[in-house]
Every structure is written in C-alpha cells, then in structure tokens.
Amino acid sequence: MSAGSNRGKGDKDPGNWKPPLQSYWCTYSRAWISVKATYRLTANPAEAEALSGMLDTCDA
C-alpha cells in the first residue's frame, strides 16, 4: 500500500474503504477477518457486507 493510499484509508473499515486494486480484495478481507477473530471483535452490517463482497473475489 502506498503512503497516499494509506492516508486515504485512515481508520476506515471495509464498509467505508476498499483497497484500490480489486486483485488485493481477497487478501485484505481475509486479513481483516483474521484480526477481528483474533480479538473477538464484531463487524457492523456495512462492514460485513463489504467483506462478503470482497471474499467473493477469492478463487474457489
């Protein structure tokens, strides 16, 4: 992630920001979910929907 892209992301969750490269969505969503699971964090509906859509880009 470039410095400019990181600044644009700020503290936004996947419901409000996605990596600019769609080819990275699968990796990003899996990493985000892993952190949420590790710390037993919940996701709001918009975040969960965005993550679901990003997971749809993963190869079967």
C-alpha atoms as a PDB file:
ATOM      1  CA  MET A   1       0.000   0.000   0.000  1.00  0.00           C
ATOM      2  CA  SER A   2       1.410   3.390  -0.948  1.00  0.00           C
ATOM      3  CA  ALA A   3       1.676   6.212   1.581  1.00  0.00           C
ATOM      4  CA  GLY A   4      -1.043   8.158  -0.241  1.00  0.00           C
ATOM      5  CA  SER A   5      -3.381   5.169  -0.265  1.00  0.00           C
ATOM      6  CA  ASN A   6      -2.747   4.571   3.424  1.00  0.00           C
ATOM      7  CA  ARG A   7      -3.522   8.214   4.248  1.00  0.00           C
ATOM      8  CA  GLY A   8      -6.760   7.935   2.245  1.00  0.00           C
ATOM      9  CA  LYS A   9      -7.777   4.862   4.200  1.00  0.00           C
ATOM     10  CA  GLY A  10      -7.197   6.416   7.610  1.00  0.00           C
ATOM     11  CA  ASP A  11      -9.159   4.483  10.212  1.00  0.00           C
ATOM     12  CA  LYS A  12     -11.968   3.479   7.855  1.00  0.00           C
ATOM     13  CA  ASP A  13     -13.326  -0.049   7.928  1.00  0.00           C
ATOM     14  CA  PRO A  14     -14.104  -2.081   4.783  1.00  0.00           C
ATOM     15  CA  GLY A  15     -17.636  -0.661   4.754  1.00  0.00           C
ATOM     16  CA  ASN A  16     -16.119   2.739   4.002  1.00  0.00           C
ATOM     17  CA  TRP A  17     -12.881   1.898   2.179  1.00  0.00           C
ATOM     18  CA  LYS A  18     -11.544  -0.868  -0.062  1.00  0.00           C
ATOM     19  CA  PRO A  19      -8.047  -1.284  -1.466  1.00  0.00           C
ATOM     20  CA  PRO A  20      -7.853   0.381  -4.889  1.00  0.00           C
ATOM     21  CA  LEU A  21      -6.647  -2.847  -6.521  1.00  0.00           C
ATOM     22  CA  GLN A  22      -9.529  -5.304  -6.717  1.00  0.00           C
ATOM     23  CA  SER A  23      -6.956  -8.076  -7.104  1.00  0.00           C
ATOM     24  CA  TYR A  24      -5.976  -7.435  -3.452  1.00  0.00           C
ATOM     25  CA  TRP A  25      -9.520  -7.564  -2.015  1.00  0.00           C
ATOM     26  CA  CYS A  26      -9.371 -11.279  -1.173  1.00  0.00           C
ATOM     27  CA  THR A  27      -6.097 -10.966   0.748  1.00  0.00           C
ATOM     28  CA  TYR A  28      -7.228  -7.780   2.502  1.00  0.00           C
ATOM     29  CA  SER A  29     -10.602  -9.165   3.580  1.00  0.00           C
ATOM     30  CA  ARG A  30      -9.086 -12.393   4.894  1.00  0.00           C
ATOM     31  CA  ALA A  31      -6.512 -10.436   6.911  1.00  0.00           C
ATOM     32  CA  TRP A  32      -9.216  -8.100   8.277  1.00  0.00           C
ATOM     33  CA  ILE A  33     -11.389 -11.054   9.324  1.00  0.00           C
ATOM     34  CA  SER A  34      -8.409 -12.755  10.944  1.00  0.00           C
ATOM     35  CA  VAL A  35      -7.734  -9.706  13.132  1.00  0.00           C
ATOM     36  CA  LYS A  36     -11.430  -9.448  14.034  1.00  0.00           C
ATOM     37  CA  ALA A  37     -11.495 -13.131  15.029  1.00  0.00           C
ATOM     38  CA  THR A  38      -8.239 -12.956  16.989  1.00  0.00           C
ATOM     39  CA  TYR A  39      -9.503 -10.095  19.134  1.00  0.00           C
ATOM     40  CA  ARG A  40     -13.145 -11.263  19.154  1.00  0.00           C
ATOM     41  CA  LEU A  41     -14.335  -8.056  17.521  1.00  0.00           C
ATOM     42  CA  THR A  42     -17.692  -7.626  15.820  1.00  0.00           C
ATOM     43  CA  ALA A  43     -18.467  -6.119  12.428  1.00  0.00           C
ATOM     44  CA  ASN A  44     -21.265  -3.676  11.673  1.00  0.00           C
ATOM     45  CA  PRO A  45     -23.660  -4.568   8.822  1.00  0.00           C
ATOM     46  CA  ALA A  46     -21.948  -2.351   6.220  1.00  0.00           C
ATOM     47  CA  GLU A  47     -18.537  -3.786   7.115  1.00  0.00           C
ATOM     48  CA  ALA A  48     -19.835  -7.377   6.965  1.00  0.00           C
ATOM     49  CA  GLU A  49     -21.467  -6.772   3.578  1.00  0.00           C
ATOM     50  CA  ALA A  50     -18.287  -5.212   2.164  1.00  0.00           C
ATOM     51  CA  LEU A  51     -16.173  -8.090   3.470  1.00  0.00           C
ATOM     52  CA  SER A  52     -18.571 -10.605   1.964  1.00  0.00           C
ATOM     53  CA  GLY A  53     -18.300  -8.892  -1.409  1.00  0.00           C
ATOM     54  CA  MET A  54     -14.515  -8.816  -1.208  1.00  0.00           C
ATOM     55  CA  LEU A  55     -14.435 -12.515  -0.266  1.00  0.00           C
ATOM     56  CA  ASP A  56     -16.427 -13.198  -3.452  1.00  0.00           C
ATOM     57  CA  THR A  57     -13.292 -12.199  -5.393  1.00  0.00           C
ATOM     58  CA  CYS A  58     -11.309 -15.098  -3.875  1.00  0.00           C
ATOM     59  CA  ASP A  59     -10.594 -18.106  -6.048  1.00  0.00           C
ATOM     60  CA  ALA A  60     -12.637 -21.134  -5.065  1.00  0.00           C
END
